[in-house]
Amino acid sequence: MSNKVVVENTLTPFIDHLKSLGYDVYTLYKNSNIENITSDEYKAIVVSGLDVLGTSGATHKNPPVPIIEASGRTPEEVHSIIESKYK
């Protein structure tokens, strides 16, 4: 599996941390492009809060990858969660 993740554009510390660990980070702009995430090529989607996904385009099938809420977590904790889903 590749090291591609999607991170909400406002989560700069998370983007920087994951990039420093070798991840290919793709940016999510307030859910406007979530409908474009239609495959499992990404390890996870990191959002500031699950309310970001509050549109009709976001369903349990689209996107088909784990969604991680960054609120209250450090970049290191989010990385650990991403890696734990693929052990």
C-alpha atoms as a PDB file:
ATOM      1  CA  MET A   1       0.000   0.000   0.000  1.00  0.00           C
ATOM      2  CA  SER A   2       1.205   3.482  -0.813  1.00  0.00           C
ATOM      3  CA  ASN A   3       1.781   6.183   1.752  1.00  0.00           C
ATOM      4  CA  LYS A   4      -0.849   8.556   0.371  1.00  0.00           C
ATOM      5  CA  VAL A   5      -3.091  10.434   2.786  1.00  0.00           C
ATOM      6  CA  VAL A   6      -5.593  13.249   2.459  1.00  0.00           C
ATOM      7  CA  VAL A   7      -5.420  16.046   5.041  1.00  0.00           C
ATOM      8  CA  GLU A   8      -7.718  19.044   5.465  1.00  0.00           C
ATOM      9  CA  ASN A   9      -5.898  22.164   4.288  1.00  0.00           C
ATOM     10  CA  THR A  10      -6.220  23.940   7.665  1.00  0.00           C
ATOM     11  CA  LEU A  11      -4.222  21.230   9.483  1.00  0.00           C
ATOM     12  CA  THR A  12      -0.761  22.514   8.579  1.00  0.00           C
ATOM     13  CA  PRO A  13       1.116  20.836  11.495  1.00  0.00           C
ATOM     14  CA  PHE A  14      -0.365  17.472  10.473  1.00  0.00           C
ATOM     15  CA  ILE A  15       0.501  18.026   6.811  1.00  0.00           C
ATOM     16  CA  ASP A  16       4.087  18.989   7.709  1.00  0.00           C
ATOM     17  CA  HIS A  17       4.532  16.047  10.093  1.00  0.00           C
ATOM     18  CA  LEU A  18       3.215  13.440   7.656  1.00  0.00           C
ATOM     19  CA  LYS A  19       5.307  14.872   4.799  1.00  0.00           C
ATOM     20  CA  SER A  20       8.399  14.686   7.027  1.00  0.00           C
ATOM     21  CA  LEU A  21       7.680  10.970   7.480  1.00  0.00           C
ATOM     22  CA  GLY A  22       7.568  10.391   3.727  1.00  0.00           C
ATOM     23  CA  TYR A  23       3.831  10.512   3.105  1.00  0.00           C
ATOM     24  CA  ASP A  24       2.355  11.898  -0.102  1.00  0.00           C
ATOM     25  CA  VAL A  25      -0.137  14.399   1.309  1.00  0.00           C
ATOM     26  CA  TYR A  26      -3.128  15.517  -0.740  1.00  0.00           C
ATOM     27  CA  THR A  27      -5.162  18.476   0.441  1.00  0.00           C
ATOM     28  CA  LEU A  28      -8.864  18.499   1.248  1.00  0.00           C
ATOM     29  CA  TYR A  29     -10.509  21.907   0.968  1.00  0.00           C
ATOM     30  CA  LYS A  30     -13.479  21.984   3.363  1.00  0.00           C
ATOM     31  CA  ASN A  31     -15.021  18.910   1.803  1.00  0.00           C
ATOM     32  CA  SER A  32     -15.314  20.514  -1.638  1.00  0.00           C
ATOM     33  CA  ASN A  33     -13.282  17.754  -3.273  1.00  0.00           C
ATOM     34  CA  ILE A  34     -14.217  14.782  -1.071  1.00  0.00           C
ATOM     35  CA  GLU A  35     -16.360  13.309  -3.845  1.00  0.00           C
ATOM     36  CA  ASN A  36     -13.153  12.889  -5.869  1.00  0.00           C
ATOM     37  CA  ILE A  37     -11.773  10.388  -3.349  1.00  0.00           C
ATOM     38  CA  THR A  38     -13.299   7.244  -4.768  1.00  0.00           C
ATOM     39  CA  SER A  39     -10.598   4.627  -4.387  1.00  0.00           C
ATOM     40  CA  ASP A  40      -8.689   3.012  -1.576  1.00  0.00           C
ATOM     41  CA  GLU A  41      -5.326   4.312  -2.793  1.00  0.00           C
ATOM     42  CA  TYR A  42      -5.181   6.562   0.280  1.00  0.00           C
ATOM     43  CA  LYS A  43      -4.389   5.255   3.752  1.00  0.00           C
ATOM     44  CA  ALA A  44      -6.633   7.769   5.521  1.00  0.00           C
ATOM     45  CA  ILE A  45      -8.354  11.118   5.475  1.00  0.00           C
ATOM     46  CA  VAL A  46      -7.506  13.502   8.303  1.00  0.00           C
ATOM     47  CA  VAL A  47     -10.060  16.222   9.099  1.00  0.00           C
ATOM     48  CA  SER A  48     -10.302  18.823  11.850  1.00  0.00           C
ATOM     49  CA  GLY A  49     -13.679  17.473  12.921  1.00  0.00           C
ATOM     50  CA  LEU A  50     -16.240  15.074  11.552  1.00  0.00           C
ATOM     51  CA  ASP A  51     -18.585  18.003  10.900  1.00  0.00           C
ATOM     52  CA  VAL A  52     -16.353  18.773   7.901  1.00  0.00           C
ATOM     53  CA  LEU A  53     -17.920  15.730   6.256  1.00  0.00           C
ATOM     54  CA  GLY A  54     -21.446  17.035   6.710  1.00  0.00           C
ATOM     55  CA  THR A  55     -22.418  17.129   3.042  1.00  0.00           C
ATOM     56  CA  SER A  56     -24.457  14.748   0.977  1.00  0.00           C
ATOM     57  CA  GLY A  57     -21.369  13.703  -0.989  1.00  0.00           C
ATOM     58  CA  ALA A  58     -19.714  12.022   1.973  1.00  0.00           C
ATOM     59  CA  THR A  59     -21.019   8.541   2.692  1.00  0.00           C
ATOM     60  CA  HIS A  60     -19.683   5.314   4.152  1.00  0.00           C
ATOM     61  CA  LYS A  61     -18.737   4.247   0.604  1.00  0.00           C
ATOM     62  CA  ASN A  62     -17.341   7.553  -0.578  1.00  0.00           C
ATOM     63  CA  PRO A  63     -14.683   8.005   0.607  1.00  0.00           C
ATOM     64  CA  PRO A  64     -13.803   4.313   1.068  1.00  0.00           C
ATOM     65  CA  VAL A  65     -10.920   4.887   3.514  1.00  0.00           C
ATOM     66  CA  PRO A  66     -10.641   5.540   7.267  1.00  0.00           C
ATOM     67  CA  ILE A  67     -11.524   9.066   8.369  1.00  0.00           C
ATOM     68  CA  ILE A  68      -9.518  10.347  11.332  1.00  0.00           C
ATOM     69  CA  GLU A  69     -10.581  13.334  13.404  1.00  0.00           C
ATOM     70  CA  ALA A  70      -7.560  15.462  14.348  1.00  0.00           C
ATOM     71  CA  SER A  71      -9.354  17.521  16.992  1.00  0.00           C
ATOM     72  CA  GLY A  72      -7.660  17.008  20.358  1.00  0.00           C
ATOM     73  CA  ARG A  73      -4.828  14.931  18.878  1.00  0.00           C
ATOM     74  CA  THR A  74      -1.206  15.658  18.068  1.00  0.00           C
ATOM     75  CA  PRO A  75       0.281  14.995  14.627  1.00  0.00           C
ATOM     76  CA  GLU A  76       2.186  12.089  16.185  1.00  0.00           C
ATOM     77  CA  GLU A  77      -1.038  10.558  17.546  1.00  0.00           C
ATOM     78  CA  VAL A  78      -2.721  10.841  14.151  1.00  0.00           C
ATOM     79  CA  HIS A  79       0.269   9.165  12.493  1.00  0.00           C
ATOM     80  CA  SER A  80       0.079   6.337  15.022  1.00  0.00           C
ATOM     81  CA  ILE A  81      -3.630   5.856  14.251  1.00  0.00           C
ATOM     82  CA  ILE A  82      -2.949   5.747  10.511  1.00  0.00           C
ATOM     83  CA  GLU A  83      -0.242   3.131  10.959  1.00  0.00           C
ATOM     84  CA  SER A  84      -2.308   1.027  13.388  1.00  0.00           C
ATOM     85  CA  LYS A  85      -5.034   0.602  10.762  1.00  0.00           C
ATOM     86  CA  TYR A  86      -2.584  -1.191   8.465  1.00  0.00           C
ATOM     87  CA  LYS A  87      -0.796  -3.645  10.762  1.00  0.00           C
END
